[in-house]
Each structure stands twice: as C-alpha cells, then as structure tokens.
Amino acid sequence: MEEAVTATVRSANRARPSRLALFLAFLVPVTLMATSCAADDPLAQQAAAGDGKNYIAGDGSVTEYAASERGEPVEVAGTLFDGTSVSSADWDDQVTVLNFWYASCAPCRQEAPDLVALHEEYAPQGAVFYGVNIRDEQATAEAFERSFGIPYESFDDTDGGVLLDMTQYVPPQAVPTTIVLDREGRVAARILGLADRSTLDALISDVL
C-alpha cells in the first residue's frame, strides 16, 4: 500500500507539485520557525524539560524558576492611569507582581478578588502590585477598579509599551497573565491565564 501511494505521488510530481509537496513546503519552514522560537524562549525550554516545574493550575499554565535559573532583570517603563511615570528601576529590592488585564476579560474579573486579597496580605511584607491594562480607556479601567476594590494602580498600556517590554514572557493574546519578579527584577514565576489564588499565593511567598 505504501509503495502504491509513493508511486502515485512521484507520478503527480512529474506533472506539477502535489498538494502533499505544497503542504510539506509550507509545514517545514513553519516547524523550523517554531523550533527556533522555542529554542530562544527560556520559558518554552523549561516547559519542554519535563522536570515538574511547569504545571497546570486552574486554566493557567504556570512556570516557576529557581533563583539560579532566572535571566536578566526586566526593563519596564510606562505611565499609570493617574499620570505617574513608573519604571522597573523603581522596584529595586522589592518583589513585584504584574497582572495584565482588561475590563471585559472574564477571567480577569474572576481573579480580581483574589488579587485584592493577596495584595492585602503581601503588601505589608514588601510586595508591590501593578495592573497592566492593555485595552481600556481610563474611565472603563477605573470603573472596573472601583467595582472590585482594586487597591493598587494600573499602567495605561493601550499603546502596548509595557507589553512590548515584557513580550518575551507575555504572549500578546494571553490575558490575563501574571508575572512575579524577584528583588533583582528577574522573572521568578509566570501564570498564563486565570491566576489560581493558592498557586499565586505560593509563588509570591516563595519569592519573598
């Protein structure tokens, strides 16, 4: 059977490129590109390692790094909705939690009370929380914050500046995403999707 299929494909190739050949011509570069991206992405490397550090919590994949495995400090700069300019240089020697969100995102609404509770628990211990709103106008974002009692400020990132700074760790369509930075400004953990409270609690506690 395999010989007959091979003979048919070869015969078709003499006249014109077969659908299979065209498909393979498309597939191989895409596969190589994906492999290259994975090779360059430390998060993808860790997920492929199968060492138990990448696991599923709720509907969000979670990646945690040991201190010896963290990369360089991230460099982030942007403007909060209140007009304050903030950069990662302001977070020296502080554990920082960045939550990427927008108001109509259902998982963002679901996780908001847990983020508020974790902020109340860990802010006195030296953890700093910031939202990064990637879509909303100020009035919409502030209405969300009032509704859920969000006590920390959010970046107005409708221009994508902070998202671009963090693009190595935050896929543009993966919202919500929550990042925990250590005291040196390095990515210590990441949750893609809904942040399960107990999981994020453990991640922040470990970094502190």
C-alpha atoms as a PDB file:
ATOM      1  CA  MET A   1       0.000   0.000   0.000  1.00  0.00           C
ATOM      2  CA  GLU A   2       2.789   2.408   0.931  1.00  0.00           C
ATOM      3  CA  GLU A   3       4.599   1.626  -2.374  1.00  0.00           C
ATOM      4  CA  ALA A   4       1.450   2.370  -4.368  1.00  0.00           C
ATOM      5  CA  VAL A   5       0.956   5.720  -2.621  1.00  0.00           C
ATOM      6  CA  THR A   6       4.615   6.603  -3.160  1.00  0.00           C
ATOM      7  CA  ALA A   7       4.371   5.751  -6.847  1.00  0.00           C
ATOM      8  CA  THR A   8       1.252   7.889  -7.215  1.00  0.00           C
ATOM      9  CA  VAL A   9       2.872  10.883  -5.528  1.00  0.00           C
ATOM     10  CA  ARG A  10       6.003  10.587  -7.664  1.00  0.00           C
ATOM     11  CA  SER A  11       3.914  10.390 -10.837  1.00  0.00           C
ATOM     12  CA  ALA A  12       1.971  13.509  -9.878  1.00  0.00           C
ATOM     13  CA  ASN A  13       5.180  15.355  -9.108  1.00  0.00           C
ATOM     14  CA  ARG A  14       6.397  14.930 -12.695  1.00  0.00           C
ATOM     15  CA  ALA A  15       3.439  16.957 -13.966  1.00  0.00           C
ATOM     16  CA  ARG A  16       3.024  19.542 -11.212  1.00  0.00           C
ATOM     17  CA  PRO A  17       3.686  19.979  -7.459  1.00  0.00           C
ATOM     18  CA  SER A  18       1.319  17.764  -5.490  1.00  0.00           C
ATOM     19  CA  ARG A  19      -0.812  19.041  -2.657  1.00  0.00           C
ATOM     20  CA  LEU A  20       1.358  16.990  -0.329  1.00  0.00           C
ATOM     21  CA  ALA A  21       4.505  18.653  -1.624  1.00  0.00           C
ATOM     22  CA  LEU A  22       2.978  22.111  -1.277  1.00  0.00           C
ATOM     23  CA  PHE A  23       1.832  21.245   2.255  1.00  0.00           C
ATOM     24  CA  LEU A  24       5.287  19.988   3.225  1.00  0.00           C
ATOM     25  CA  ALA A  25       6.900  23.059   1.667  1.00  0.00           C
ATOM     26  CA  PHE A  26       4.733  25.179   3.950  1.00  0.00           C
ATOM     27  CA  LEU A  27       4.999  22.946   7.003  1.00  0.00           C
ATOM     28  CA  VAL A  28       8.771  22.564   7.181  1.00  0.00           C
ATOM     29  CA  PRO A  29       9.618  26.309   7.439  1.00  0.00           C
ATOM     30  CA  VAL A  30       6.832  26.816   9.970  1.00  0.00           C
ATOM     31  CA  THR A  31       8.071  23.875  12.027  1.00  0.00           C
ATOM     32  CA  LEU A  32      11.642  25.138  11.898  1.00  0.00           C
ATOM     33  CA  MET A  33      10.497  28.618  12.870  1.00  0.00           C
ATOM     34  CA  ALA A  34       8.528  27.270  15.829  1.00  0.00           C
ATOM     35  CA  THR A  35      11.502  25.151  16.884  1.00  0.00           C
ATOM     36  CA  SER A  36      13.775  28.190  16.653  1.00  0.00           C
ATOM     37  CA  CYS A  37      11.396  30.302  18.731  1.00  0.00           C
ATOM     38  CA  ALA A  38      11.186  27.572  21.361  1.00  0.00           C
ATOM     39  CA  ALA A  39      14.969  27.318  21.438  1.00  0.00           C
ATOM     40  CA  ASP A  40      15.219  31.068  22.090  1.00  0.00           C
ATOM     41  CA  ASP A  41      12.449  31.169  24.703  1.00  0.00           C
ATOM     42  CA  PRO A  42      13.643  30.103  28.166  1.00  0.00           C
ATOM     43  CA  LEU A  43      10.042  29.546  29.236  1.00  0.00           C
ATOM     44  CA  ALA A  44       9.489  27.150  26.340  1.00  0.00           C
ATOM     45  CA  GLN A  45      12.737  25.363  27.174  1.00  0.00           C
ATOM     46  CA  GLN A  46      11.626  24.870  30.755  1.00  0.00           C
ATOM     47  CA  ALA A  47       8.191  23.634  29.686  1.00  0.00           C
ATOM     48  CA  ALA A  48       9.857  21.079  27.406  1.00  0.00           C
ATOM     49  CA  ALA A  49      12.230  19.911  30.115  1.00  0.00           C
ATOM     50  CA  GLY A  50       9.548  17.829  31.816  1.00  0.00           C
ATOM     51  CA  ASP A  51      11.103  18.422  35.207  1.00  0.00           C
ATOM     52  CA  GLY A  52       7.865  19.229  37.012  1.00  0.00           C
ATOM     53  CA  LYS A  53       8.366  22.995  37.164  1.00  0.00           C
ATOM     54  CA  ASN A  54       5.711  23.594  34.520  1.00  0.00           C
ATOM     55  CA  TYR A  55       2.277  22.500  35.670  1.00  0.00           C
ATOM     56  CA  ILE A  56      -1.386  23.344  35.331  1.00  0.00           C
ATOM     57  CA  ALA A  57      -3.374  25.264  37.941  1.00  0.00           C
ATOM     58  CA  GLY A  58      -6.961  26.206  37.162  1.00  0.00           C
ATOM     59  CA  ASP A  59      -6.929  27.053  33.473  1.00  0.00           C
ATOM     60  CA  GLY A  60      -3.500  28.716  33.527  1.00  0.00           C
ATOM     61  CA  SER A  61      -0.121  27.183  32.822  1.00  0.00           C
ATOM     62  CA  VAL A  62       2.409  28.079  35.490  1.00  0.00           C
ATOM     63  CA  THR A  63       6.168  28.368  35.168  1.00  0.00           C
ATOM     64  CA  GLU A  64       8.414  28.873  38.190  1.00  0.00           C
ATOM     65  CA  TYR A  65      12.174  29.459  38.159  1.00  0.00           C
ATOM     66  CA  ALA A  66      14.762  28.668  40.792  1.00  0.00           C
ATOM     67  CA  ALA A  67      16.934  31.690  41.580  1.00  0.00           C
ATOM     68  CA  SER A  68      19.879  30.167  39.722  1.00  0.00           C
ATOM     69  CA  GLU A  69      17.791  29.783  36.535  1.00  0.00           C
ATOM     70  CA  ARG A  70      16.403  33.314  36.226  1.00  0.00           C
ATOM     71  CA  GLY A  71      17.512  35.546  33.393  1.00  0.00           C
ATOM     72  CA  GLU A  72      18.482  39.201  33.375  1.00  0.00           C
ATOM     73  CA  PRO A  73      16.338  41.805  35.172  1.00  0.00           C
ATOM     74  CA  VAL A  74      13.464  43.031  33.030  1.00  0.00           C
ATOM     75  CA  GLU A  75      13.312  46.660  31.952  1.00  0.00           C
ATOM     76  CA  VAL A  76       9.806  48.094  32.049  1.00  0.00           C
ATOM     77  CA  ALA A  77       8.596  51.680  31.758  1.00  0.00           C
ATOM     78  CA  GLY A  78       5.141  53.169  31.403  1.00  0.00           C
ATOM     79  CA  THR A  79       2.529  55.577  32.707  1.00  0.00           C
ATOM     80  CA  LEU A  80      -0.158  54.787  35.265  1.00  0.00           C
ATOM     81  CA  PHE A  81      -3.747  55.898  34.739  1.00  0.00           C
ATOM     82  CA  ASP A  82      -3.169  58.628  37.328  1.00  0.00           C
ATOM     83  CA  GLY A  83      -0.400  60.061  35.123  1.00  0.00           C
ATOM     84  CA  THR A  84       2.551  58.825  37.191  1.00  0.00           C
ATOM     85  CA  SER A  85       5.549  57.570  35.233  1.00  0.00           C
ATOM     86  CA  VAL A  86       6.877  54.282  36.605  1.00  0.00           C
ATOM     87  CA  SER A  87       9.788  52.082  35.601  1.00  0.00           C
ATOM     88  CA  SER A  88      11.290  48.850  36.834  1.00  0.00           C
ATOM     89  CA  ALA A  89      14.108  50.903  38.366  1.00  0.00           C
ATOM     90  CA  ASP A  90      11.549  51.952  40.994  1.00  0.00           C
ATOM     91  CA  TRP A  91      11.170  48.330  42.113  1.00  0.00           C
ATOM     92  CA  ASP A  92      14.734  47.742  43.289  1.00  0.00           C
ATOM     93  CA  ASP A  93      14.845  45.305  46.201  1.00  0.00           C
ATOM     94  CA  GLN A  94      11.078  44.725  46.011  1.00  0.00           C
ATOM     95  CA  VAL A  95       9.114  41.686  44.949  1.00  0.00           C
ATOM     96  CA  THR A  96       6.768  42.898  42.204  1.00  0.00           C
ATOM     97  CA  VAL A  97       3.573  41.359  40.848  1.00  0.00           C
ATOM     98  CA  LEU A  98       2.401  42.461  37.389  1.00  0.00           C
ATOM     99  CA  ASN A  99      -1.106  41.471  36.300  1.00  0.00           C
ATOM    100  CA  PHE A 100      -2.029  42.021  32.638  1.00  0.00           C
ATOM    101  CA  TRP A 101      -5.786  42.586  32.270  1.00  0.00           C
ATOM    102  CA  TYR A 102      -8.708  44.433  30.695  1.00  0.00           C
ATOM    103  CA  ALA A 103     -12.231  45.023  31.955  1.00  0.00           C
ATOM    104  CA  SER A 104     -14.276  42.777  29.643  1.00  0.00           C
ATOM    105  CA  CYS A 105     -11.935  39.809  30.141  1.00  0.00           C
ATOM    106  CA  ALA A 106     -13.995  37.214  32.064  1.00  0.00           C
ATOM    107  CA  PRO A 107     -11.005  35.514  33.796  1.00  0.00           C
ATOM    108  CA  CYS A 108      -9.707  38.971  34.778  1.00  0.00           C
ATOM    109  CA  ARG A 109     -12.969  39.625  36.585  1.00  0.00           C
ATOM    110  CA  GLN A 110     -12.882  36.205  38.203  1.00  0.00           C
ATOM    111  CA  GLU A 111      -9.365  36.585  39.586  1.00  0.00           C
ATOM    112  CA  ALA A 112      -9.700  40.214  40.707  1.00  0.00           C
ATOM    113  CA  PRO A 113     -10.942  39.488  44.281  1.00  0.00           C
ATOM    114  CA  ASP A 114      -8.057  37.065  44.812  1.00  0.00           C
ATOM    115  CA  LEU A 115      -5.525  39.631  43.623  1.00  0.00           C
ATOM    116  CA  VAL A 116      -7.004  42.155  46.036  1.00  0.00           C
ATOM    117  CA  ALA A 117      -6.745  39.663  48.912  1.00  0.00           C
ATOM    118  CA  LEU A 118      -3.152  38.750  48.038  1.00  0.00           C
ATOM    119  CA  HIS A 119      -2.214  42.417  47.809  1.00  0.00           C
ATOM    120  CA  GLU A 120      -3.617  42.983  51.282  1.00  0.00           C
ATOM    121  CA  GLU A 121      -1.653  40.011  52.587  1.00  0.00           C
ATOM    122  CA  TYR A 122       1.695  40.665  50.949  1.00  0.00           C
ATOM    123  CA  ALA A 123       1.967  44.446  50.576  1.00  0.00           C
ATOM    124  CA  PRO A 124       2.960  44.780  54.266  1.00  0.00           C
ATOM    125  CA  GLN A 125       5.715  42.209  53.591  1.00  0.00           C
ATOM    126  CA  GLY A 126       7.245  44.243  50.788  1.00  0.00           C
ATOM    127  CA  ALA A 127       5.451  43.006  47.655  1.00  0.00           C
ATOM    128  CA  VAL A 128       4.375  45.636  45.132  1.00  0.00           C
ATOM    129  CA  PHE A 129       1.401  45.048  42.809  1.00  0.00           C
ATOM    130  CA  TYR A 130       0.654  46.740  39.486  1.00  0.00           C
ATOM    131  CA  GLY A 131      -2.013  46.093  36.912  1.00  0.00           C
ATOM    132  CA  VAL A 132      -1.184  46.458  33.230  1.00  0.00           C
ATOM    133  CA  ASN A 133      -4.334  47.347  31.297  1.00  0.00           C
ATOM    134  CA  ILE A 134      -3.776  46.629  27.620  1.00  0.00           C
ATOM    135  CA  ARG A 135      -7.118  47.733  26.129  1.00  0.00           C
ATOM    136  CA  ASP A 136      -9.373  50.069  28.138  1.00  0.00           C
ATOM    137  CA  GLU A 137      -9.843  53.793  28.263  1.00  0.00           C
ATOM    138  CA  GLN A 138      -9.282  55.333  31.683  1.00  0.00           C
ATOM    139  CA  ALA A 139     -12.991  55.572  32.600  1.00  0.00           C
ATOM    140  CA  THR A 140     -13.564  51.880  31.839  1.00  0.00           C
ATOM    141  CA  ALA A 141     -10.477  50.779  33.761  1.00  0.00           C
ATOM    142  CA  GLU A 142     -11.345  52.914  36.767  1.00  0.00           C
ATOM    143  CA  ALA A 143     -14.929  51.610  36.817  1.00  0.00           C
ATOM    144  CA  PHE A 144     -13.547  48.063  36.967  1.00  0.00           C
ATOM    145  CA  GLU A 145     -11.167  49.019  39.774  1.00  0.00           C
ATOM    146  CA  ARG A 146     -13.984  50.626  41.783  1.00  0.00           C
ATOM    147  CA  SER A 147     -16.246  47.633  41.233  1.00  0.00           C
ATOM    148  CA  PHE A 148     -13.676  45.172  42.575  1.00  0.00           C
ATOM    149  CA  GLY A 149     -11.987  47.467  45.083  1.00  0.00           C
ATOM    150  CA  ILE A 150      -8.581  47.228  43.411  1.00  0.00           C
ATOM    151  CA  PRO A 151      -6.168  48.982  45.804  1.00  0.00           C
ATOM    152  CA  TYR A 152      -3.128  49.195  43.503  1.00  0.00           C
ATOM    153  CA  GLU A 153      -2.519  51.264  40.387  1.00  0.00           C
ATOM    154  CA  SER A 154      -2.545  50.067  36.788  1.00  0.00           C
ATOM    155  CA  PHE A 155      -0.480  51.053  33.786  1.00  0.00           C
ATOM    156  CA  ASP A 156      -2.388  52.568  30.883  1.00  0.00           C
ATOM    157  CA  ASP A 157      -0.853  50.285  28.273  1.00  0.00           C
ATOM    158  CA  THR A 158      -3.201  50.844  25.353  1.00  0.00           C
ATOM    159  CA  ASP A 159      -0.110  51.784  23.316  1.00  0.00           C
ATOM    160  CA  GLY A 160       1.437  48.391  24.136  1.00  0.00           C
ATOM    161  CA  GLY A 161       4.654  49.776  25.613  1.00  0.00           C
ATOM    162  CA  VAL A 162       4.764  47.635  28.755  1.00  0.00           C
ATOM    163  CA  LEU A 163       3.511  44.593  26.843  1.00  0.00           C
ATOM    164  CA  LEU A 164       6.321  45.113  24.340  1.00  0.00           C
ATOM    165  CA  ASP A 165       8.857  45.345  27.181  1.00  0.00           C
ATOM    166  CA  MET A 166       7.552  42.024  28.502  1.00  0.00           C
ATOM    167  CA  THR A 167       6.871  40.313  25.173  1.00  0.00           C
ATOM    168  CA  GLN A 168       9.424  37.590  25.916  1.00  0.00           C
ATOM    169  CA  TYR A 169       7.231  36.493  28.810  1.00  0.00           C
ATOM    170  CA  VAL A 170       3.709  37.680  27.944  1.00  0.00           C
ATOM    171  CA  PRO A 171       2.160  36.470  24.664  1.00  0.00           C
ATOM    172  CA  PRO A 172       0.001  39.317  23.295  1.00  0.00           C
ATOM    173  CA  GLN A 173      -3.217  37.257  23.369  1.00  0.00           C
ATOM    174  CA  ALA A 174      -2.562  35.596  26.745  1.00  0.00           C
ATOM    175  CA  VAL A 175      -4.599  37.834  29.019  1.00  0.00           C
ATOM    176  CA  PRO A 176      -4.776  37.602  31.921  1.00  0.00           C
ATOM    177  CA  THR A 177      -1.129  36.900  32.602  1.00  0.00           C
ATOM    178  CA  THR A 178       0.508  37.393  35.988  1.00  0.00           C
ATOM    179  CA  ILE A 179       4.257  37.827  36.439  1.00  0.00           C
ATOM    180  CA  VAL A 180       6.178  37.687  39.722  1.00  0.00           C
ATOM    181  CA  LEU A 181       9.525  39.489  39.744  1.00  0.00           C
ATOM    182  CA  ASP A 182      12.134  38.864  42.415  1.00  0.00           C
ATOM    183  CA  ARG A 183      14.001  41.566  44.343  1.00  0.00           C
ATOM    184  CA  GLU A 184      16.514  41.852  41.496  1.00  0.00           C
ATOM    185  CA  GLY A 185      13.781  42.445  38.936  1.00  0.00           C
ATOM    186  CA  ARG A 186      14.073  38.989  37.345  1.00  0.00           C
ATOM    187  CA  VAL A 187      11.100  36.876  36.320  1.00  0.00           C
ATOM    188  CA  ALA A 188      10.638  34.307  39.071  1.00  0.00           C
ATOM    189  CA  ALA A 189       7.241  32.947  38.007  1.00  0.00           C
ATOM    190  CA  ARG A 190       4.531  33.340  35.398  1.00  0.00           C
ATOM    191  CA  ILE A 191       0.872  32.335  35.217  1.00  0.00           C
ATOM    192  CA  LEU A 192      -0.740  32.316  31.778  1.00  0.00           C
ATOM    193  CA  GLY A 193      -4.487  32.637  32.136  1.00  0.00           C
ATOM    194  CA  LEU A 194      -6.573  32.725  35.290  1.00  0.00           C
ATOM    195  CA  ALA A 195      -4.394  33.103  38.389  1.00  0.00           C
ATOM    196  CA  ASP A 196      -5.426  30.461  40.904  1.00  0.00           C
ATOM    197  CA  ARG A 197      -5.254  32.113  44.331  1.00  0.00           C
ATOM    198  CA  SER A 198      -3.456  29.322  46.172  1.00  0.00           C
ATOM    199  CA  THR A 199      -0.908  28.971  43.377  1.00  0.00           C
ATOM    200  CA  LEU A 200      -0.138  32.692  43.167  1.00  0.00           C
ATOM    201  CA  ASP A 201      -0.013  32.833  46.972  1.00  0.00           C
ATOM    202  CA  ALA A 202       2.665  30.132  46.963  1.00  0.00           C
ATOM    203  CA  LEU A 203       4.643  31.789  44.151  1.00  0.00           C
ATOM    204  CA  ILE A 204       4.746  35.168  45.912  1.00  0.00           C
ATOM    205  CA  SER A 205       5.595  33.564  49.246  1.00  0.00           C
ATOM    206  CA  ASP A 206       8.457  31.588  47.698  1.00  0.00           C
ATOM    207  CA  VAL A 207       9.992  34.715  46.152  1.00  0.00           C
ATOM    208  CA  LEU A 208       9.623  36.713  49.356  1.00  0.00           C
END
